[in-house]
Amino acid sequence: MIVSPSCFQEVLSSSERTKSESSLATPRVYGPRIRGVRIVSLVPHATELCFALGLGDQVVGVTHECDFPPEAAQATAVTADLLPDGLDSAGIDAAVKEKTGGGEAIYALDAEALKELEPDLIITQALCPVCAVGYDDVAAVAAEMDEPPKIVSLDPHTFGETMVDIRTVAQATGTEREALALIASQRERVDAVVAA
């Protein structure tokens, strides 16, 4: 399934439209649309989107960093931070550089917990290896499941592309109507800030 950029041109500024045109034309949702599914969100932004689209009761797994909305904490955390506790910002920076420089991950994915949740849909990202669990790790675990789930990758580079993420999740879950309302609401908020 390919997400068409045409339905989003009204929410993107002309500069965002130019920058994001190529990425919007790439496949972002793999598999058919599904609704009433078990969702594992491996990106905090995606967790918030799911709840905003009315899918909160279908979110069964999240990251250890998903703390909004508060209800997200009721889902099973399937990731963990591999950095030592108690580091200041300089210590975190040094630890991240050391691990990534050595080809090590800074997050752990609990493969068994993920499999036990039997998700129909996993929302992840392939943009940044230090922002979340790596896409390849997620895909490898998904491939081992008896019924491999659909995988949606959210990889925004601009504010406008975060609006596209709303539509991407909506297309994967059959919540297009809710997405249009959410996009309109976000656009109003942006316009209010610009006008202030």
N, C-alpha and C. Protein backbone atom coordinates (compact mmCIF):
# COMPACT_ATOMS: atom_id res chain seq x y z
N MET A 1 0.85 -1.17 0.00
CA MET A 1 0.00 0.00 0.00
C MET A 1 0.89 1.22 0.00
N ILE A 2 0.61 2.20 -0.81
CA ILE A 2 1.39 3.42 -0.90
C ILE A 2 0.54 4.59 -0.45
N VAL A 3 1.09 5.42 0.40
CA VAL A 3 0.37 6.59 0.87
C VAL A 3 0.51 7.68 -0.18
N SER A 4 -0.59 8.16 -0.67
CA SER A 4 -0.57 9.22 -1.67
C SER A 4 -0.40 10.57 -1.00
N PRO A 5 0.50 11.42 -1.51
CA PRO A 5 0.67 12.73 -0.91
C PRO A 5 -0.46 13.70 -1.23
N SER A 6 -1.28 13.40 -2.20
CA SER A 6 -2.28 14.36 -2.66
C SER A 6 -3.28 14.75 -1.58
N CYS A 7 -3.61 13.81 -0.68
CA CYS A 7 -4.62 14.10 0.33
C CYS A 7 -4.09 15.00 1.43
N PHE A 8 -2.80 15.31 1.42
CA PHE A 8 -2.22 16.11 2.48
C PHE A 8 -1.72 17.46 2.06
N GLN A 9 -1.85 17.81 0.80
CA GLN A 9 -1.26 19.06 0.36
C GLN A 9 -1.83 20.26 1.10
N GLU A 10 -3.09 20.16 1.58
CA GLU A 10 -3.67 21.30 2.28
C GLU A 10 -3.07 21.50 3.65
N VAL A 11 -2.39 20.51 4.22
CA VAL A 11 -1.81 20.69 5.55
C VAL A 11 -0.33 20.98 5.50
N LEU A 12 0.28 20.90 4.33
CA LEU A 12 1.70 21.17 4.21
C LEU A 12 1.93 22.56 3.63
N SER A 13 2.90 23.28 4.20
CA SER A 13 3.27 24.55 3.59
C SER A 13 3.99 24.25 2.29
N SER A 14 4.17 25.25 1.44
CA SER A 14 4.83 24.99 0.15
C SER A 14 6.25 24.50 0.33
N SER A 15 6.98 25.02 1.32
CA SER A 15 8.36 24.56 1.53
C SER A 15 8.37 23.13 2.04
N GLU A 16 7.46 22.80 2.98
CA GLU A 16 7.39 21.43 3.47
C GLU A 16 6.98 20.48 2.35
N ARG A 17 6.07 20.96 1.49
CA ARG A 17 5.59 20.13 0.39
C ARG A 17 6.75 19.76 -0.52
N THR A 18 7.61 20.73 -0.83
CA THR A 18 8.74 20.46 -1.71
C THR A 18 9.70 19.48 -1.08
N LYS A 19 10.01 19.70 0.21
CA LYS A 19 10.96 18.84 0.90
C LYS A 19 10.45 17.42 1.08
N SER A 20 9.14 17.28 1.28
CA SER A 20 8.61 15.96 1.62
C SER A 20 8.03 15.20 0.45
N GLU A 21 7.98 15.81 -0.73
CA GLU A 21 7.32 15.19 -1.88
C GLU A 21 7.86 13.78 -2.15
N SER A 22 9.20 13.64 -2.14
CA SER A 22 9.76 12.34 -2.49
C SER A 22 9.48 11.30 -1.41
N SER A 23 9.59 11.68 -0.13
CA SER A 23 9.36 10.70 0.92
C SER A 23 7.90 10.29 1.01
N LEU A 24 6.99 11.18 0.62
CA LEU A 24 5.58 10.84 0.69
C LEU A 24 5.20 9.81 -0.35
N ALA A 25 5.99 9.70 -1.40
CA ALA A 25 5.66 8.78 -2.48
C ALA A 25 6.24 7.40 -2.25
N THR A 26 6.95 7.21 -1.13
CA THR A 26 7.55 5.91 -0.86
C THR A 26 6.59 5.05 -0.05
N PRO A 27 6.70 3.72 -0.16
CA PRO A 27 5.83 2.85 0.63
C PRO A 27 6.09 3.04 2.12
N ARG A 28 5.03 3.19 2.87
CA ARG A 28 5.16 3.38 4.31
C ARG A 28 4.32 2.37 5.08
N VAL A 29 3.33 1.80 4.45
CA VAL A 29 2.47 0.82 5.09
C VAL A 29 2.61 -0.48 4.33
N TYR A 30 2.90 -1.55 5.04
CA TYR A 30 3.11 -2.83 4.40
C TYR A 30 1.98 -3.78 4.75
N GLY A 31 1.13 -4.10 3.79
CA GLY A 31 0.00 -4.99 4.02
C GLY A 31 -1.31 -4.24 3.92
N PRO A 32 -2.42 -4.97 3.95
CA PRO A 32 -3.75 -4.36 3.78
C PRO A 32 -4.19 -3.59 5.01
N ARG A 33 -5.23 -2.78 4.84
CA ARG A 33 -5.81 -2.05 5.96
C ARG A 33 -6.44 -3.02 6.94
N ILE A 34 -6.31 -2.71 8.21
CA ILE A 34 -6.90 -3.55 9.23
C ILE A 34 -7.48 -2.68 10.34
N ARG A 35 -8.63 -3.07 10.87
CA ARG A 35 -9.27 -2.32 11.95
C ARG A 35 -9.70 -3.31 13.04
N GLY A 36 -9.75 -2.84 14.28
CA GLY A 36 -10.09 -3.73 15.37
C GLY A 36 -8.96 -4.70 15.63
N VAL A 37 -7.74 -4.16 15.73
CA VAL A 37 -6.55 -5.00 15.80
C VAL A 37 -5.77 -4.76 17.09
N ARG A 38 -4.85 -5.66 17.34
CA ARG A 38 -3.92 -5.53 18.45
C ARG A 38 -2.70 -4.78 17.93
N ILE A 39 -2.42 -3.62 18.54
CA ILE A 39 -1.36 -2.74 18.05
C ILE A 39 -0.21 -2.68 19.05
N VAL A 40 1.01 -2.79 18.54
CA VAL A 40 2.20 -2.51 19.33
C VAL A 40 2.85 -1.28 18.72
N SER A 41 3.02 -0.25 19.54
CA SER A 41 3.64 0.99 19.09
C SER A 41 5.04 1.10 19.66
N LEU A 42 6.03 1.17 18.78
CA LEU A 42 7.42 1.24 19.22
C LEU A 42 8.01 2.64 19.06
N VAL A 43 7.13 3.63 18.96
CA VAL A 43 7.54 5.03 18.87
C VAL A 43 6.55 5.85 19.70
N PRO A 44 7.01 6.65 20.66
CA PRO A 44 6.08 7.44 21.47
C PRO A 44 5.12 8.30 20.64
N HIS A 45 5.62 8.90 19.59
CA HIS A 45 4.78 9.71 18.69
C HIS A 45 3.63 8.86 18.14
N ALA A 46 3.91 7.63 17.78
CA ALA A 46 2.88 6.74 17.24
C ALA A 46 1.87 6.36 18.31
N THR A 47 2.35 6.17 19.53
CA THR A 47 1.43 5.84 20.62
C THR A 47 0.43 6.97 20.83
N GLU A 48 0.92 8.20 20.83
CA GLU A 48 0.03 9.35 20.97
C GLU A 48 -0.96 9.42 19.82
N LEU A 49 -0.49 9.14 18.60
CA LEU A 49 -1.38 9.15 17.44
C LEU A 49 -2.49 8.11 17.59
N CYS A 50 -2.12 6.92 18.02
CA CYS A 50 -3.12 5.86 18.17
C CYS A 50 -4.22 6.27 19.14
N PHE A 51 -3.83 6.84 20.27
CA PHE A 51 -4.83 7.28 21.24
C PHE A 51 -5.66 8.43 20.69
N ALA A 52 -5.02 9.35 19.98
CA ALA A 52 -5.75 10.49 19.40
C ALA A 52 -6.75 10.04 18.34
N LEU A 53 -6.47 8.92 17.69
CA LEU A 53 -7.37 8.38 16.68
C LEU A 53 -8.43 7.45 17.27
N GLY A 54 -8.45 7.34 18.60
CA GLY A 54 -9.45 6.50 19.25
C GLY A 54 -9.09 5.02 19.29
N LEU A 55 -7.80 4.73 19.13
CA LEU A 55 -7.35 3.33 19.08
C LEU A 55 -6.70 2.88 20.39
N GLY A 56 -6.81 3.69 21.43
CA GLY A 56 -6.12 3.38 22.68
C GLY A 56 -6.41 2.01 23.25
N ASP A 57 -7.66 1.55 23.14
CA ASP A 57 -8.00 0.24 23.70
C ASP A 57 -7.42 -0.90 22.88
N GLN A 58 -6.86 -0.59 21.71
CA GLN A 58 -6.25 -1.62 20.87
C GLN A 58 -4.73 -1.65 21.00
N VAL A 59 -4.17 -0.67 21.73
CA VAL A 59 -2.72 -0.61 21.93
C VAL A 59 -2.36 -1.56 23.07
N VAL A 60 -1.71 -2.67 22.73
CA VAL A 60 -1.38 -3.68 23.74
C VAL A 60 0.08 -3.65 24.14
N GLY A 61 0.93 -3.00 23.32
CA GLY A 61 2.35 -2.93 23.62
C GLY A 61 2.91 -1.57 23.24
N VAL A 62 3.86 -1.09 24.06
CA VAL A 62 4.47 0.22 23.84
C VAL A 62 5.95 0.15 24.20
N THR A 63 6.64 1.29 24.09
CA THR A 63 8.03 1.36 24.52
C THR A 63 8.09 1.74 26.00
N HIS A 64 9.27 1.62 26.57
CA HIS A 64 9.47 2.03 27.96
C HIS A 64 9.38 3.55 28.11
N GLU A 65 9.40 4.27 26.99
CA GLU A 65 9.35 5.73 27.02
C GLU A 65 7.94 6.29 26.78
N CYS A 66 6.99 5.45 26.47
CA CYS A 66 5.63 5.92 26.16
C CYS A 66 4.89 6.26 27.46
N ASP A 67 4.79 7.56 27.74
CA ASP A 67 4.14 7.99 28.97
C ASP A 67 2.99 8.96 28.74
N PHE A 68 2.61 9.15 27.47
CA PHE A 68 1.47 10.02 27.16
C PHE A 68 0.67 9.41 26.03
N PRO A 69 -0.65 9.41 26.19
CA PRO A 69 -1.37 9.79 27.41
C PRO A 69 -1.08 8.80 28.54
N PRO A 70 -1.43 9.17 29.78
CA PRO A 70 -1.13 8.29 30.91
C PRO A 70 -1.64 6.86 30.74
N GLU A 71 -2.74 6.69 30.01
CA GLU A 71 -3.31 5.35 29.80
C GLU A 71 -2.35 4.43 29.05
N ALA A 72 -1.38 5.01 28.34
CA ALA A 72 -0.43 4.20 27.59
C ALA A 72 0.39 3.29 28.51
N ALA A 73 0.55 3.73 29.76
CA ALA A 73 1.32 2.94 30.73
C ALA A 73 0.65 1.62 31.07
N GLN A 74 -0.63 1.46 30.74
CA GLN A 74 -1.32 0.21 31.02
C GLN A 74 -0.93 -0.89 30.03
N ALA A 75 -0.36 -0.50 28.90
CA ALA A 75 0.08 -1.49 27.91
C ALA A 75 1.43 -2.07 28.33
N THR A 76 1.75 -3.23 27.80
CA THR A 76 3.01 -3.89 28.12
C THR A 76 4.18 -3.19 27.44
N ALA A 77 5.21 -2.85 28.22
CA ALA A 77 6.42 -2.26 27.64
C ALA A 77 7.28 -3.38 27.07
N VAL A 78 7.64 -3.25 25.80
CA VAL A 78 8.42 -4.31 25.14
C VAL A 78 9.82 -3.85 24.78
N THR A 79 10.23 -2.67 25.27
CA THR A 79 11.60 -2.20 25.05
C THR A 79 12.20 -1.79 26.39
N ALA A 80 13.52 -1.65 26.40
CA ALA A 80 14.23 -1.19 27.59
C ALA A 80 15.45 -0.40 27.15
N ASP A 81 15.86 0.53 28.00
CA ASP A 81 17.04 1.35 27.75
C ASP A 81 18.27 0.56 28.19
N LEU A 82 19.28 0.49 27.34
CA LEU A 82 20.50 -0.25 27.68
C LEU A 82 21.59 0.64 28.26
N LEU A 83 21.33 1.94 28.37
CA LEU A 83 22.31 2.85 28.94
C LEU A 83 22.24 2.79 30.46
N PRO A 84 23.37 3.03 31.13
CA PRO A 84 23.36 3.02 32.60
C PRO A 84 22.44 4.10 33.16
N ASP A 85 21.86 3.84 34.31
CA ASP A 85 21.01 4.83 34.98
C ASP A 85 21.86 5.95 35.57
N GLY A 86 21.25 7.10 35.77
CA GLY A 86 21.89 8.19 36.49
C GLY A 86 22.89 9.02 35.71
N LEU A 87 22.96 8.87 34.41
CA LEU A 87 23.91 9.66 33.62
C LEU A 87 23.39 11.07 33.41
N ASP A 88 24.31 12.05 33.43
CA ASP A 88 23.92 13.40 33.05
C ASP A 88 23.95 13.48 31.52
N SER A 89 23.62 14.65 30.95
CA SER A 89 23.52 14.75 29.49
C SER A 89 24.85 14.43 28.80
N ALA A 90 25.96 14.86 29.38
CA ALA A 90 27.26 14.56 28.79
C ALA A 90 27.54 13.06 28.84
N GLY A 91 27.16 12.43 29.95
CA GLY A 91 27.36 11.00 30.09
C GLY A 91 26.51 10.21 29.11
N ILE A 92 25.28 10.66 28.91
CA ILE A 92 24.40 10.00 27.94
C ILE A 92 24.98 10.11 26.55
N ASP A 93 25.45 11.31 26.19
CA ASP A 93 26.04 11.53 24.87
C ASP A 93 27.24 10.62 24.66
N ALA A 94 28.10 10.53 25.66
CA ALA A 94 29.30 9.68 25.54
C ALA A 94 28.92 8.21 25.42
N ALA A 95 27.94 7.77 26.21
CA ALA A 95 27.53 6.37 26.18
C ALA A 95 26.89 6.01 24.85
N VAL A 96 26.07 6.91 24.33
CA VAL A 96 25.43 6.67 23.03
C VAL A 96 26.49 6.57 21.94
N LYS A 97 27.44 7.50 21.94
CA LYS A 97 28.51 7.48 20.92
C LYS A 97 29.33 6.20 21.01
N GLU A 98 29.63 5.78 22.23
CA GLU A 98 30.42 4.56 22.41
C GLU A 98 29.68 3.33 21.88
N LYS A 99 28.42 3.20 22.25
CA LYS A 99 27.65 2.03 21.82
C LYS A 99 27.41 2.03 20.32
N THR A 100 26.93 3.16 19.80
CA THR A 100 26.63 3.19 18.36
C THR A 100 27.90 3.12 17.53
N GLY A 101 28.99 3.68 18.05
CA GLY A 101 30.27 3.60 17.35
C GLY A 101 30.78 2.17 17.26
N GLY A 102 30.41 1.36 18.25
CA GLY A 102 30.80 -0.05 18.25
C GLY A 102 29.76 -0.96 17.63
N GLY A 103 28.76 -0.35 17.01
CA GLY A 103 27.72 -1.14 16.36
C GLY A 103 26.72 -1.77 17.31
N GLU A 104 26.68 -1.27 18.55
CA GLU A 104 25.75 -1.82 19.54
C GLU A 104 24.46 -1.00 19.59
N ALA A 105 23.40 -1.65 20.00
CA ALA A 105 22.12 -0.97 20.17
C ALA A 105 22.08 -0.27 21.52
N ILE A 106 21.27 0.78 21.62
CA ILE A 106 21.09 1.43 22.91
C ILE A 106 19.73 1.10 23.52
N TYR A 107 18.92 0.37 22.76
CA TYR A 107 17.63 -0.10 23.26
C TYR A 107 17.54 -1.61 23.06
N ALA A 108 16.86 -2.27 23.97
CA ALA A 108 16.61 -3.70 23.83
C ALA A 108 15.15 -3.93 23.49
N LEU A 109 14.91 -4.85 22.59
CA LEU A 109 13.55 -5.26 22.25
C LEU A 109 13.29 -6.61 22.88
N ASP A 110 12.27 -6.70 23.70
CA ASP A 110 11.91 -7.97 24.34
C ASP A 110 11.12 -8.80 23.33
N ALA A 111 11.84 -9.61 22.59
CA ALA A 111 11.23 -10.38 21.49
C ALA A 111 10.14 -11.31 22.00
N GLU A 112 10.36 -11.95 23.12
CA GLU A 112 9.37 -12.90 23.64
C GLU A 112 8.09 -12.18 24.06
N ALA A 113 8.25 -11.04 24.74
CA ALA A 113 7.06 -10.28 25.15
C ALA A 113 6.29 -9.80 23.92
N LEU A 114 7.03 -9.37 22.90
CA LEU A 114 6.38 -8.91 21.67
C LEU A 114 5.60 -10.05 21.02
N LYS A 115 6.20 -11.22 20.96
CA LYS A 115 5.52 -12.37 20.36
C LYS A 115 4.29 -12.77 21.16
N GLU A 116 4.40 -12.73 22.49
CA GLU A 116 3.27 -13.11 23.34
C GLU A 116 2.07 -12.18 23.17
N LEU A 117 2.32 -10.94 22.80
CA LEU A 117 1.23 -9.99 22.60
C LEU A 117 0.44 -10.27 21.32
N GLU A 118 1.02 -11.06 20.43
CA GLU A 118 0.39 -11.44 19.17
C GLU A 118 -0.22 -10.23 18.45
N PRO A 119 0.60 -9.23 18.16
CA PRO A 119 0.06 -8.04 17.49
C PRO A 119 -0.34 -8.32 16.05
N ASP A 120 -1.34 -7.58 15.60
CA ASP A 120 -1.71 -7.60 14.19
C ASP A 120 -0.98 -6.50 13.44
N LEU A 121 -0.58 -5.46 14.19
CA LEU A 121 0.06 -4.29 13.61
C LEU A 121 1.16 -3.79 14.53
N ILE A 122 2.35 -3.57 13.97
CA ILE A 122 3.45 -2.96 14.72
C ILE A 122 3.77 -1.64 14.04
N ILE A 123 3.82 -0.58 14.84
CA ILE A 123 4.20 0.73 14.32
C ILE A 123 5.59 1.04 14.85
N THR A 124 6.52 1.30 13.94
CA THR A 124 7.91 1.52 14.31
C THR A 124 8.49 2.65 13.48
N GLN A 125 9.82 2.73 13.40
CA GLN A 125 10.48 3.75 12.60
C GLN A 125 11.80 3.19 12.07
N ALA A 126 12.25 3.77 10.97
CA ALA A 126 13.53 3.37 10.39
C ALA A 126 14.43 4.58 10.20
N LEU A 127 14.06 5.68 10.82
CA LEU A 127 14.74 6.95 10.60
C LEU A 127 16.01 7.11 11.41
N CYS A 128 15.98 6.67 12.67
CA CYS A 128 17.05 7.03 13.60
C CYS A 128 17.37 5.88 14.55
N PRO A 129 18.59 5.34 14.49
CA PRO A 129 18.94 4.22 15.36
C PRO A 129 19.09 4.59 16.83
N VAL A 130 19.19 5.89 17.14
CA VAL A 130 19.30 6.28 18.54
C VAL A 130 17.98 6.81 19.09
N CYS A 131 16.93 6.80 18.27
CA CYS A 131 15.62 7.30 18.71
C CYS A 131 14.71 6.18 19.21
N ALA A 132 14.90 4.99 18.70
CA ALA A 132 14.02 3.87 19.04
C ALA A 132 14.69 2.58 18.60
N VAL A 133 14.05 1.47 18.91
CA VAL A 133 14.54 0.16 18.47
C VAL A 133 14.67 0.16 16.95
N GLY A 134 15.70 -0.49 16.43
CA GLY A 134 15.94 -0.52 14.99
C GLY A 134 14.86 -1.27 14.22
N TYR A 135 14.55 -0.76 13.04
CA TYR A 135 13.52 -1.37 12.19
C TYR A 135 13.87 -2.83 11.87
N ASP A 136 15.12 -3.09 11.54
CA ASP A 136 15.51 -4.45 11.16
C ASP A 136 15.28 -5.44 12.30
N ASP A 137 15.53 -5.00 13.54
CA ASP A 137 15.30 -5.87 14.69
C ASP A 137 13.81 -6.20 14.83
N VAL A 138 12.98 -5.18 14.62
CA VAL A 138 11.53 -5.38 14.71
C VAL A 138 11.06 -6.33 13.61
N ALA A 139 11.52 -6.10 12.39
CA ALA A 139 11.11 -6.94 11.26
C ALA A 139 11.55 -8.38 11.46
N ALA A 140 12.72 -8.59 12.04
CA ALA A 140 13.22 -9.95 12.27
C ALA A 140 12.33 -10.70 13.26
N VAL A 141 11.94 -10.03 14.33
CA VAL A 141 11.06 -10.67 15.32
C VAL A 141 9.69 -10.93 14.70
N ALA A 142 9.17 -9.96 13.96
CA ALA A 142 7.86 -10.12 13.33
C ALA A 142 7.85 -11.32 12.38
N ALA A 143 8.94 -11.52 11.67
CA ALA A 143 9.02 -12.62 10.71
C ALA A 143 8.99 -13.98 11.39
N GLU A 144 9.35 -14.03 12.67
CA GLU A 144 9.37 -15.30 13.40
C GLU A 144 8.00 -15.66 13.98
N MET A 145 7.05 -14.74 13.94
CA MET A 145 5.74 -15.00 14.53
C MET A 145 4.92 -15.94 13.64
N ASP A 146 4.06 -16.73 14.28
CA ASP A 146 3.22 -17.66 13.53
C ASP A 146 2.39 -16.94 12.48
N GLU A 147 1.84 -15.79 12.86
CA GLU A 147 1.12 -14.94 11.91
C GLU A 147 1.79 -13.57 11.93
N PRO A 148 2.77 -13.36 11.04
CA PRO A 148 3.51 -12.10 11.05
C PRO A 148 2.58 -10.89 10.94
N PRO A 149 2.78 -9.90 11.82
CA PRO A 149 1.94 -8.71 11.80
C PRO A 149 2.31 -7.77 10.66
N LYS A 150 1.40 -6.85 10.36
CA LYS A 150 1.70 -5.78 9.43
C LYS A 150 2.66 -4.82 10.13
N ILE A 151 3.54 -4.18 9.37
CA ILE A 151 4.48 -3.22 9.94
C ILE A 151 4.28 -1.87 9.26
N VAL A 152 4.14 -0.83 10.08
CA VAL A 152 4.04 0.54 9.58
C VAL A 152 5.26 1.28 10.09
N SER A 153 5.96 1.96 9.20
CA SER A 153 7.13 2.74 9.58
C SER A 153 6.82 4.23 9.45
N LEU A 154 6.99 4.96 10.54
CA LEU A 154 6.81 6.40 10.55
C LEU A 154 8.18 7.06 10.59
N ASP A 155 8.49 7.84 9.57
CA ASP A 155 9.82 8.43 9.45
C ASP A 155 9.75 9.90 9.06
N PRO A 156 9.12 10.73 9.88
CA PRO A 156 8.96 12.14 9.49
C PRO A 156 10.25 12.94 9.62
N HIS A 157 10.44 13.87 8.69
CA HIS A 157 11.57 14.79 8.73
C HIS A 157 11.11 16.22 9.02
N THR A 158 9.83 16.51 8.80
CA THR A 158 9.30 17.86 8.97
C THR A 158 7.99 17.82 9.75
N PHE A 159 7.55 18.99 10.18
CA PHE A 159 6.26 19.05 10.86
C PHE A 159 5.15 18.55 9.94
N GLY A 160 5.19 18.95 8.69
CA GLY A 160 4.17 18.51 7.74
C GLY A 160 4.11 17.01 7.62
N GLU A 161 5.26 16.36 7.70
CA GLU A 161 5.28 14.91 7.59
C GLU A 161 4.73 14.23 8.84
N THR A 162 4.72 14.93 9.98
CA THR A 162 4.05 14.35 11.14
C THR A 162 2.54 14.32 10.91
N MET A 163 2.04 15.27 10.12
CA MET A 163 0.63 15.23 9.74
C MET A 163 0.37 14.03 8.83
N VAL A 164 1.32 13.74 7.97
CA VAL A 164 1.20 12.58 7.09
C VAL A 164 1.19 11.29 7.91
N ASP A 165 1.94 11.27 9.00
CA ASP A 165 1.94 10.10 9.87
C ASP A 165 0.54 9.78 10.39
N ILE A 166 -0.24 10.82 10.65
CA ILE A 166 -1.62 10.59 11.09
C ILE A 166 -2.37 9.78 10.05
N ARG A 167 -2.24 10.19 8.80
CA ARG A 167 -2.93 9.50 7.71
C ARG A 167 -2.37 8.09 7.52
N THR A 168 -1.07 7.93 7.68
CA THR A 168 -0.46 6.62 7.52
C THR A 168 -1.04 5.62 8.52
N VAL A 169 -1.11 6.02 9.78
CA VAL A 169 -1.69 5.15 10.81
C VAL A 169 -3.17 4.93 10.53
N ALA A 170 -3.86 5.97 10.11
CA ALA A 170 -5.29 5.85 9.81
C ALA A 170 -5.55 4.87 8.68
N GLN A 171 -4.72 4.91 7.64
CA GLN A 171 -4.91 3.99 6.52
C GLN A 171 -4.66 2.55 6.94
N ALA A 172 -3.77 2.35 7.90
CA ALA A 172 -3.48 0.99 8.35
C ALA A 172 -4.54 0.45 9.30
N THR A 173 -5.34 1.34 9.88
CA THR A 173 -6.31 0.92 10.90
C THR A 173 -7.76 1.23 10.55
N GLY A 174 -7.99 1.80 9.38
CA GLY A 174 -9.35 2.11 8.98
C GLY A 174 -9.97 3.26 9.73
N THR A 175 -9.15 4.21 10.18
CA THR A 175 -9.66 5.36 10.93
C THR A 175 -9.47 6.66 10.16
N GLU A 176 -9.72 6.62 8.86
CA GLU A 176 -9.50 7.81 8.02
C GLU A 176 -10.37 8.99 8.45
N ARG A 177 -11.61 8.75 8.84
CA ARG A 177 -12.49 9.85 9.25
C ARG A 177 -11.94 10.54 10.49
N GLU A 178 -11.51 9.75 11.46
CA GLU A 178 -10.93 10.31 12.67
C GLU A 178 -9.66 11.10 12.34
N ALA A 179 -8.90 10.61 11.36
CA ALA A 179 -7.66 11.28 10.97
C ALA A 179 -7.93 12.66 10.39
N LEU A 180 -8.96 12.78 9.57
CA LEU A 180 -9.28 14.08 8.99
C LEU A 180 -9.63 15.09 10.08
N ALA A 181 -10.38 14.65 11.09
CA ALA A 181 -10.74 15.54 12.19
C ALA A 181 -9.50 15.93 12.99
N LEU A 182 -8.60 14.98 13.22
CA LEU A 182 -7.38 15.26 13.98
C LEU A 182 -6.48 16.22 13.22
N ILE A 183 -6.33 16.01 11.93
CA ILE A 183 -5.50 16.90 11.11
C ILE A 183 -6.07 18.32 11.12
N ALA A 184 -7.38 18.43 10.99
CA ALA A 184 -8.02 19.75 11.02
C ALA A 184 -7.78 20.44 12.36
N SER A 185 -7.86 19.68 13.44
CA SER A 185 -7.62 20.22 14.77
C SER A 185 -6.18 20.70 14.92
N GLN A 186 -5.24 19.91 14.43
CA GLN A 186 -3.83 20.29 14.51
C GLN A 186 -3.55 21.53 13.67
N ARG A 187 -4.18 21.60 12.50
CA ARG A 187 -4.01 22.76 11.63
C ARG A 187 -4.51 24.02 12.31
N GLU A 188 -5.65 23.92 13.00
CA GLU A 188 -6.20 25.07 13.73
C GLU A 188 -5.25 25.52 14.83
N ARG A 189 -4.65 24.57 15.52
CA ARG A 189 -3.70 24.91 16.58
C ARG A 189 -2.48 25.62 16.02
N VAL A 190 -1.98 25.12 14.89
CA VAL A 190 -0.82 25.75 14.25
C VAL A 190 -1.17 27.17 13.81
N ASP A 191 -2.33 27.31 13.19
CA ASP A 191 -2.77 28.64 12.73
C ASP A 191 -2.90 29.61 13.90
N ALA A 192 -3.38 29.12 15.04
CA ALA A 192 -3.53 29.98 16.22
C ALA A 192 -2.17 30.45 16.72
N VAL A 193 -1.19 29.55 16.70
CA VAL A 193 0.16 29.91 17.14
C VAL A 193 0.77 30.93 16.18
N VAL A 194 0.61 30.70 14.88
CA VAL A 194 1.15 31.61 13.88
C VAL A 194 0.52 33.00 14.00
N ALA A 195 -0.77 33.03 14.30
CA ALA A 195 -1.49 34.30 14.39
C ALA A 195 -1.20 35.06 15.68
N ALA A 196 -0.70 34.36 16.69
CA ALA A 196 -0.46 34.99 18.01
C ALA A 196 0.72 35.95 17.98
